[in-house]
N, C-alpha and C. Protein backbone atom coordinates (compact mmCIF):
# COMPACT_ATOMS: atom_id res chain seq x y z
N MET A 1 50.00 10.03 -8.21
CA MET A 1 48.96 10.45 -6.65
C MET A 1 48.98 9.34 -6.33
N SER A 2 49.16 9.03 -4.70
CA SER A 2 48.84 8.17 -3.64
C SER A 2 47.65 7.90 -3.55
N ILE A 3 47.88 6.53 -3.07
CA ILE A 3 46.07 5.78 -2.62
C ILE A 3 45.71 6.96 -1.42
N LYS A 4 46.64 7.40 0.05
CA LYS A 4 46.11 8.64 0.86
C LYS A 4 45.97 9.26 0.19
N ARG A 5 46.28 10.30 -0.94
CA ARG A 5 45.56 11.06 -1.64
C ARG A 5 44.18 11.10 -2.24
N ILE A 6 44.20 10.17 -2.73
CA ILE A 6 42.82 9.40 -3.27
C ILE A 6 41.75 9.23 -2.70
N ILE A 7 41.98 9.12 -1.42
CA ILE A 7 40.75 8.82 -0.47
C ILE A 7 40.89 9.68 0.80
N GLN A 8 42.20 10.97 0.68
CA GLN A 8 41.52 12.28 1.63
C GLN A 8 40.55 13.46 0.04
N ILE A 9 40.85 13.05 -1.55
CA ILE A 9 39.75 13.81 -2.46
C ILE A 9 38.60 13.29 -2.22
N LEU A 10 38.84 12.05 -2.12
CA LEU A 10 37.19 10.99 -2.07
C LEU A 10 35.86 11.59 -1.02
N LEU A 11 37.12 11.29 0.32
CA LEU A 11 36.05 10.93 1.18
C LEU A 11 35.10 12.17 1.61
N PRO A 12 35.51 13.32 1.08
CA PRO A 12 34.30 14.54 2.07
C PRO A 12 33.30 14.13 0.33
N PHE A 13 33.65 13.88 -1.18
CA PHE A 13 32.41 13.42 -1.65
C PHE A 13 31.13 12.28 -0.82
N VAL A 14 31.97 11.64 -0.49
CA VAL A 14 31.38 10.80 0.13
C VAL A 14 30.45 10.85 1.13
N VAL A 15 30.82 11.23 1.88
CA VAL A 15 30.64 12.01 3.27
C VAL A 15 29.33 13.11 2.94
N ILE A 16 29.02 14.06 1.97
CA ILE A 16 28.46 15.25 1.70
C ILE A 16 27.68 14.85 0.87
N CYS A 17 27.95 13.77 0.05
CA CYS A 17 26.73 13.59 -1.06
C CYS A 17 25.80 12.79 -0.69
N PRO A 18 24.88 12.95 -1.06
CA PRO A 18 23.63 11.61 -0.79
C PRO A 18 24.00 10.23 -0.93
N TRP A 19 23.84 9.72 0.23
CA TRP A 19 23.99 8.15 -0.49
C TRP A 19 22.85 7.77 -1.26
N ASN A 20 22.00 7.92 -1.47
CA ASN A 20 21.00 7.68 -2.54
C ASN A 20 21.40 7.85 -3.56
N ALA A 21 22.34 8.66 -4.10
CA ALA A 21 23.18 9.22 -5.16
C ALA A 21 24.03 8.51 -5.44
N LEU A 22 25.05 7.50 -4.94
CA LEU A 22 25.06 5.97 -5.73
C LEU A 22 24.57 5.13 -6.03
N GLY A 23 23.28 5.48 -5.89
CA GLY A 23 21.92 3.85 -6.00
C GLY A 23 21.20 4.76 -6.85
N GLY A 24 20.20 4.12 -6.17
CA GLY A 24 18.34 4.31 -7.12
C GLY A 24 17.65 4.71 -5.78
N ALA A 25 16.59 5.21 -6.50
CA ALA A 25 15.64 6.35 -5.09
C ALA A 25 15.20 4.93 -4.25
N ILE A 26 14.70 4.76 -2.78
CA ILE A 26 14.78 4.35 -2.10
C ILE A 26 12.50 4.74 -1.76
N VAL A 27 11.51 4.21 -2.41
CA VAL A 27 10.63 4.51 -1.36
C VAL A 27 9.81 3.71 -0.28
N GLY A 28 9.31 4.13 0.11
CA GLY A 28 8.64 3.59 1.57
C GLY A 28 7.00 3.84 1.25
N ILE A 29 6.34 3.31 2.29
CA ILE A 29 5.11 3.38 2.62
C ILE A 29 4.72 3.77 3.90
N ASP A 30 4.35 4.61 4.47
CA ASP A 30 4.12 5.39 6.18
C ASP A 30 2.07 4.73 6.50
N LEU A 31 1.82 4.52 5.66
CA LEU A 31 0.36 4.35 6.22
C LEU A 31 -0.52 3.75 4.93
N VAL A 32 -1.83 2.87 5.15
CA VAL A 32 -2.48 2.34 4.17
C VAL A 32 -3.61 2.34 5.61
N GLU A 33 -4.83 3.12 4.44
CA GLU A 33 -6.09 3.19 5.12
C GLU A 33 -6.81 2.41 4.42
N VAL A 34 -7.85 1.68 4.88
CA VAL A 34 -9.36 0.91 4.10
C VAL A 34 -10.16 2.04 4.13
N VAL A 35 -10.92 2.35 3.36
CA VAL A 35 -12.45 3.25 3.79
C VAL A 35 -13.16 2.82 2.52
N PRO A 36 -14.26 2.30 3.73
CA PRO A 36 -14.58 2.65 4.85
C PRO A 36 -13.90 1.48 5.31
N SER A 37 -13.33 1.91 7.56
CA SER A 37 -13.01 1.52 7.63
C SER A 37 -13.44 0.35 8.42
N GLN A 38 -14.61 0.02 8.32
CA GLN A 38 -16.03 -1.12 7.94
C GLN A 38 -16.46 -1.53 7.41
N PRO A 39 -16.21 -2.15 5.78
CA PRO A 39 -17.18 -2.20 4.89
C PRO A 39 -17.58 -3.41 4.97
N THR A 40 -18.83 -3.12 4.31
CA THR A 40 -20.18 -3.89 4.07
C THR A 40 -19.92 -4.89 2.42
N GLU A 41 -21.05 -6.10 2.70
CA GLU A 41 -20.33 -6.37 1.39
C GLU A 41 -21.04 -5.02 0.33
N ASP A 42 -22.40 -4.30 0.12
CA ASP A 42 -22.37 -3.14 -0.35
C ASP A 42 -21.05 -2.03 -1.07
N ASP A 43 -20.22 -2.11 -0.11
CA ASP A 43 -19.81 -0.54 -0.01
C ASP A 43 -17.92 -0.59 -1.10
N ILE A 44 -18.25 -0.41 -2.03
CA ILE A 44 -17.14 -0.30 -3.18
C ILE A 44 -15.81 0.49 -1.96
N ILE A 45 -14.86 -0.10 -2.08
CA ILE A 45 -13.10 -0.37 -0.68
C ILE A 45 -12.80 0.79 -1.83
N THR A 46 -12.18 1.73 -1.04
CA THR A 46 -11.11 2.31 -1.61
C THR A 46 -9.70 1.90 -0.49
N PHE A 47 -8.28 1.93 -1.21
CA PHE A 47 -7.05 2.17 -0.19
C PHE A 47 -6.58 2.96 -0.43
N ASP A 48 -6.43 4.17 1.10
CA ASP A 48 -6.03 5.65 0.66
C ASP A 48 -4.25 4.81 0.95
N ILE A 49 -3.25 5.28 0.16
CA ILE A 49 -1.92 4.40 0.85
C ILE A 49 -1.44 6.31 0.41
N TYR A 50 -0.43 6.22 1.94
CA TYR A 50 0.51 7.61 1.79
C TYR A 50 2.07 7.50 2.13
N GLY A 51 3.05 7.56 1.66
CA GLY A 51 4.48 7.20 1.41
C GLY A 51 5.40 8.27 1.18
N TRP A 52 6.68 7.81 1.15
CA TRP A 52 7.51 8.47 1.20
C TRP A 52 8.52 8.32 -0.23
N ALA A 53 9.81 9.03 -0.93
CA ALA A 53 10.95 8.60 -1.24
C ALA A 53 11.83 9.83 -0.96
N SER A 54 13.22 8.73 -1.58
CA SER A 54 14.50 9.79 -1.22
C SER A 54 14.95 10.64 -2.37
N GLN A 55 13.63 10.72 -3.66
CA GLN A 55 14.20 12.10 -4.65
C GLN A 55 12.98 12.41 -4.36
N GLU A 56 12.79 13.30 -5.13
CA GLU A 56 11.53 14.30 -5.71
C GLU A 56 11.64 14.88 -7.07
N PRO A 57 10.65 15.12 -7.87
CA PRO A 57 9.16 14.78 -6.64
C PRO A 57 8.85 13.04 -7.40
N SER A 58 7.90 12.36 -6.65
CA SER A 58 7.40 11.31 -6.87
C SER A 58 5.81 10.70 -6.77
N TRP A 59 5.31 10.65 -7.61
CA TRP A 59 4.52 9.50 -7.72
C TRP A 59 4.08 8.15 -7.97
N VAL A 60 3.00 7.87 -8.40
CA VAL A 60 3.14 6.54 -8.12
C VAL A 60 2.40 6.68 -9.94
N GLU A 61 3.58 5.65 -10.81
CA GLU A 61 3.28 5.15 -12.31
C GLU A 61 2.15 4.35 -12.53
N TYR A 62 2.15 3.62 -12.09
CA TYR A 62 0.80 2.58 -12.17
C TYR A 62 1.24 1.43 -11.24
N ASP A 63 -0.13 0.34 -10.96
CA ASP A 63 -0.13 -0.58 -9.99
C ASP A 63 -0.56 -1.85 -10.49
N GLU A 64 -0.55 -2.82 -9.67
CA GLU A 64 -1.19 -4.22 -10.40
C GLU A 64 -1.65 -4.62 -9.13
N PHE A 65 -2.74 -4.65 -9.13
CA PHE A 65 -3.93 -5.39 -7.88
C PHE A 65 -3.93 -7.18 -7.83
N SER A 66 -4.23 -7.68 -7.21
CA SER A 66 -3.96 -9.48 -7.17
C SER A 66 -5.57 -9.87 -6.40
N GLN A 67 -6.09 -10.76 -6.26
CA GLN A 67 -6.80 -11.38 -5.20
C GLN A 67 -6.61 -12.57 -4.91
N ASN A 68 -5.69 -13.41 -4.09
CA ASN A 68 -6.58 -14.53 -4.57
C ASN A 68 -7.11 -15.13 -2.79
N GLY A 69 -8.01 -15.72 -3.30
CA GLY A 69 -9.48 -15.60 -1.67
C GLY A 69 -9.39 -14.81 -0.97
N SER A 70 -8.67 -14.34 0.58
CA SER A 70 -9.11 -13.68 0.79
C SER A 70 -7.52 -13.13 1.53
N SER A 71 -6.35 -12.88 0.38
CA SER A 71 -5.19 -12.20 0.16
C SER A 71 -5.36 -12.25 -0.65
N LEU A 72 -5.07 -10.41 -0.37
CA LEU A 72 -4.90 -9.17 -1.54
C LEU A 72 -3.82 -8.42 -1.42
N GLN A 73 -2.91 -8.21 -3.00
CA GLN A 73 -2.46 -7.87 -3.14
C GLN A 73 -1.78 -6.94 -3.84
N LEU A 74 -0.89 -5.28 -3.47
CA LEU A 74 -1.12 -4.37 -4.31
C LEU A 74 -0.01 -3.68 -4.97
N ASP A 75 0.42 -3.91 -5.45
CA ASP A 75 2.23 -3.75 -6.20
C ASP A 75 1.68 -2.08 -6.73
N LEU A 76 2.83 -1.01 -6.16
CA LEU A 76 2.83 0.07 -6.65
C LEU A 76 4.12 0.09 -7.07
N TYR A 77 4.40 1.18 -8.56
CA TYR A 77 5.40 1.58 -8.85
C TYR A 77 5.06 3.08 -8.72
N VAL A 78 6.38 2.84 -8.26
CA VAL A 78 7.07 4.81 -8.11
C VAL A 78 7.92 5.54 -8.62
N ASN A 79 7.50 6.41 -9.33
CA ASN A 79 8.30 6.91 -10.09
C ASN A 79 8.76 7.84 -9.48
N THR A 80 10.46 8.34 -9.49
CA THR A 80 11.09 9.05 -9.02
C THR A 80 11.70 10.36 -9.63
N GLY A 81 11.22 11.73 -9.48
CA GLY A 81 12.48 12.96 -10.09
C GLY A 81 13.89 11.64 -9.90
N ASP A 82 15.28 13.36 -10.08
CA ASP A 82 16.41 13.49 -9.95
C ASP A 82 16.73 14.16 -9.15
N LEU A 83 16.69 14.42 -8.21
CA LEU A 83 16.73 16.01 -6.95
C LEU A 83 16.79 14.75 -5.58
N TYR A 84 17.87 14.83 -5.26
CA TYR A 84 17.64 14.34 -3.94
C TYR A 84 17.65 14.68 -2.85
N SER A 85 15.54 14.89 -2.70
CA SER A 85 15.48 15.53 -1.74
C SER A 85 13.93 14.24 -0.90
N TYR A 86 13.82 14.52 0.08
CA TYR A 86 12.78 13.64 0.60
C TYR A 86 11.39 14.22 -0.06
N SER A 87 10.27 13.65 -0.08
CA SER A 87 9.46 13.86 -0.73
C SER A 87 7.76 12.72 -0.83
N ASP A 88 7.01 13.26 -0.28
CA ASP A 88 5.83 12.35 -0.18
C ASP A 88 5.28 12.14 -1.24
N TRP A 89 4.20 10.75 -1.40
CA TRP A 89 3.42 10.59 -2.26
C TRP A 89 2.08 9.44 -1.92
N THR A 90 1.33 10.16 -1.97
CA THR A 90 -0.21 9.54 -1.63
C THR A 90 -0.60 8.81 -3.62
N TYR A 91 -2.15 8.05 -2.63
CA TYR A 91 -2.54 7.04 -4.00
C TYR A 91 -3.27 6.78 -3.83
N SER A 92 -4.73 6.40 -4.56
CA SER A 92 -5.75 5.92 -4.42
C SER A 92 -6.25 4.60 -5.15
N LYS A 93 -6.48 3.34 -4.76
CA LYS A 93 -6.85 2.69 -5.29
C LYS A 93 -8.23 2.35 -4.58
N GLN A 94 -9.45 1.92 -6.02
CA GLN A 94 -10.84 1.58 -5.91
C GLN A 94 -11.03 0.15 -6.45
N ILE A 95 -11.45 -0.36 -5.51
CA ILE A 95 -12.08 -1.97 -5.98
C ILE A 95 -13.55 -2.56 -5.54
N SER A 96 -14.03 -3.25 -6.17
CA SER A 96 -15.26 -3.80 -6.09
C SER A 96 -15.26 -3.83 -5.10
N THR A 97 -16.67 -4.74 -4.52
CA THR A 97 -17.29 -4.82 -3.26
C THR A 97 -16.97 -6.37 -3.22
N LEU A 98 -16.85 -6.82 -2.14
CA LEU A 98 -15.96 -8.26 -1.51
C LEU A 98 -17.11 -8.83 -0.83
N PRO A 99 -17.42 -10.08 -0.75
CA PRO A 99 -18.01 -11.23 0.11
C PRO A 99 -17.34 -10.91 1.65
N ALA A 100 -18.23 -11.14 3.07
CA ALA A 100 -18.25 -11.03 4.12
C ALA A 100 -16.78 -12.00 4.33
N ASP A 101 -16.00 -11.56 5.00
CA ASP A 101 -14.26 -12.60 5.28
C ASP A 101 -13.92 -11.56 6.22
N THR A 102 -12.88 -12.20 6.44
CA THR A 102 -11.53 -10.27 6.77
C THR A 102 -10.86 -11.01 5.81
N TYR A 103 -9.83 -10.12 5.51
CA TYR A 103 -9.13 -9.87 3.96
C TYR A 103 -7.60 -9.25 4.57
N THR A 104 -6.33 -9.69 4.45
CA THR A 104 -5.52 -9.76 4.24
C THR A 104 -5.05 -8.83 2.85
N LEU A 105 -4.56 -7.10 2.98
CA LEU A 105 -3.63 -6.41 2.29
C LEU A 105 -1.96 -6.78 2.24
N GLU A 106 -1.61 -6.60 1.26
CA GLU A 106 -0.17 -6.77 1.12
C GLU A 106 0.24 -5.52 0.19
N VAL A 107 0.72 -4.18 0.64
CA VAL A 107 0.54 -3.48 0.01
C VAL A 107 2.54 -3.03 -0.59
N ASN A 108 2.82 -3.40 -1.90
CA ASN A 108 4.43 -3.40 -1.60
C ASN A 108 4.76 -1.89 -3.13
N SER A 109 5.78 -1.63 -2.42
CA SER A 109 6.29 -0.57 -3.33
C SER A 109 7.63 -0.40 -3.41
N PHE A 110 7.80 -0.49 -5.03
CA PHE A 110 8.34 -0.65 -5.91
C PHE A 110 9.30 0.63 -6.55
N ASP A 111 10.62 0.64 -6.39
CA ASP A 111 11.49 1.58 -7.41
C ASP A 111 10.63 1.43 -8.59
N TYR A 112 10.36 2.02 -9.62
CA TYR A 112 9.54 2.34 -11.01
C TYR A 112 11.45 2.23 -11.88
N ASP A 113 11.89 2.32 -11.49
CA ASP A 113 13.32 2.54 -12.43
C ASP A 113 13.79 1.25 -12.59
N ASP A 114 14.03 0.51 -11.11
CA ASP A 114 14.86 -0.12 -11.39
C ASP A 114 14.42 -0.88 -11.08
N GLY A 115 12.99 -1.20 -10.47
CA GLY A 115 12.10 -2.91 -9.99
C GLY A 115 12.38 -3.59 -8.58
N SER A 116 12.87 -2.68 -8.21
CA SER A 116 13.57 -3.18 -6.97
C SER A 116 12.21 -2.89 -6.07
N LEU A 117 11.80 -3.97 -5.11
CA LEU A 117 11.07 -4.33 -3.86
C LEU A 117 11.94 -3.03 -2.63
N ASP A 118 11.01 -2.02 -2.42
CA ASP A 118 11.62 -1.49 -1.04
C ASP A 118 10.95 -1.76 -0.16
N ASP A 119 10.15 -1.71 -0.02
CA ASP A 119 9.10 -1.50 1.43
C ASP A 119 7.73 -2.57 0.96
N THR A 120 6.91 -3.50 2.33
CA THR A 120 5.81 -3.64 2.21
C THR A 120 4.90 -3.64 3.84
N TYR A 121 4.40 -2.86 3.27
CA TYR A 121 3.02 -2.99 4.40
C TYR A 121 1.87 -3.81 4.43
N ILE A 122 1.55 -4.16 5.94
CA ILE A 122 -0.13 -5.33 5.67
C ILE A 122 -1.04 -4.83 6.43
N VAL A 123 -1.91 -4.46 5.99
CA VAL A 123 -3.53 -4.61 6.97
C VAL A 123 -4.51 -5.66 6.58
N GLU A 124 -4.74 -5.95 8.33
CA GLU A 124 -5.87 -6.32 8.20
C GLU A 124 -7.48 -5.90 7.93
N PHE A 125 -8.37 -6.12 7.50
CA PHE A 125 -9.86 -5.66 7.64
C PHE A 125 -10.82 -7.01 7.14
N THR A 126 -12.28 -6.49 7.98
CA THR A 126 -13.11 -7.44 8.05
C THR A 126 -14.10 -7.26 7.27
N VAL A 127 -14.97 -7.29 5.72
CA VAL A 127 -15.64 -7.09 5.76
C VAL A 127 -17.35 -7.41 6.33
N VAL A 128 -17.95 -6.85 6.59
CA VAL A 128 -19.36 -7.26 7.56
C VAL A 128 -20.58 -7.65 6.39
N PRO A 129 -21.02 -8.13 6.80
CA PRO A 129 -22.44 -8.75 5.97
C PRO A 129 -23.18 -7.29 6.01
N GLU A 130 -24.01 -7.06 5.06
CA GLU A 130 -24.52 -5.52 5.11
C GLU A 130 -26.04 -5.82 6.08
N PRO A 131 -26.08 -4.94 6.77
CA PRO A 131 -27.16 -4.35 7.84
C PRO A 131 -28.29 -5.47 7.72
N MET A 132 -29.05 -5.16 6.49
CA MET A 132 -30.23 -5.36 6.38
C MET A 132 -30.06 -7.30 5.92
N SER A 133 -29.14 -7.11 5.53
CA SER A 133 -29.30 -8.79 5.21
C SER A 133 -29.45 -9.54 6.62
N LEU A 134 -28.60 -9.02 7.85
CA LEU A 134 -28.80 -9.31 9.02
C LEU A 134 -29.93 -9.46 9.53
N VAL A 135 -30.67 -8.87 9.08
CA VAL A 135 -31.93 -8.34 9.87
C VAL A 135 -33.37 -9.40 8.89
N PHE A 136 -33.10 -9.77 7.60
CA PHE A 136 -33.76 -10.63 7.20
C PHE A 136 -33.17 -11.99 7.58
N LEU A 137 -32.19 -12.29 8.21
CA LEU A 137 -31.62 -13.31 8.41
C LEU A 137 -32.53 -13.85 9.66
N GLY A 138 -32.14 -12.45 10.48
CA GLY A 138 -33.15 -13.00 12.31
C GLY A 138 -34.66 -12.81 12.26
N VAL A 139 -35.40 -12.15 11.07
CA VAL A 139 -36.73 -12.83 10.57
C VAL A 139 -37.02 -13.62 10.09
N GLY A 140 -36.04 -14.26 9.82
CA GLY A 140 -36.16 -15.08 8.53
C GLY A 140 -36.20 -16.87 10.32
N VAL A 141 -34.78 -16.76 10.85
CA VAL A 141 -34.61 -17.79 12.21
C VAL A 141 -35.89 -17.16 13.36
N TYR A 142 -36.69 -15.73 13.17
CA TYR A 142 -37.83 -16.29 14.09
C TYR A 142 -39.01 -16.93 13.87
N LEU A 143 -39.04 -16.53 12.03
CA LEU A 143 -40.76 -16.98 11.89
C LEU A 143 -40.34 -18.17 11.52
N PHE A 144 -38.84 -19.17 11.87
CA PHE A 144 -38.25 -20.54 10.97
C PHE A 144 -38.93 -21.17 12.99
N ARG A 145 -38.70 -20.56 13.96
CA ARG A 145 -39.37 -21.00 14.91
C ARG A 145 -40.76 -21.12 15.27
N ALA A 146 -41.30 -19.73 14.82
CA ALA A 146 -42.85 -19.46 15.59
C ALA A 146 -43.22 -20.97 14.42
N VAL A 147 -43.21 -21.04 13.45
CA VAL A 147 -44.10 -21.88 12.47
C VAL A 147 -43.54 -23.02 12.86
N SER A 148 -43.07 -23.35 13.24
CA SER A 148 -41.64 -24.90 13.79
C SER A 148 -41.86 -25.11 15.52
N ALA A 149 -42.82 -24.51 16.05
CA ALA A 149 -43.14 -24.34 17.29
C ALA A 149 -44.32 -25.31 17.54
C-alpha cells in the first residue's frame, strides 16, 4: 500500500475525529465568584467556580487550597468521562474568615487523569473590617479627642 493511499484513508478519520480523542481532555474555567462579593472579617467566604470540559461527564474530584499571606491558590482536579462531548461542571469551596486586606485568588484547573494544568483564572477581592469595628473605632477616636481637648 502506498503512502498516498494511507494518507487518503487516515485523513478523513483525523478530520472527523474529535481533536482531543488523540490526547487527554481539556478542562477550563469560565467564572469564579466570591460570595459575599465584599466579605467582612466575620464572613465565611465561598468561592463558586463554573467550568467546562471537552469530555463528559465532568466533575471536580478533589481540590487543594493554600494561602501565602494575601495570595490564595485553589487547585481543582477535574475528572472527565470518556464521551467526546462538551460538558459543564460547577464547584463550591468554602473557607474560614480572613482578616481585612486585598486578596488575590488563583484558581487552576487540572486534568485529573494526567495531571496537566489546563486553565488558570485569577480574581481579586477585598475583605473589609466588620462594620461595628469601624463604629467602635470612630467612637474611640471621638472620645479620645474629647478627653484630650
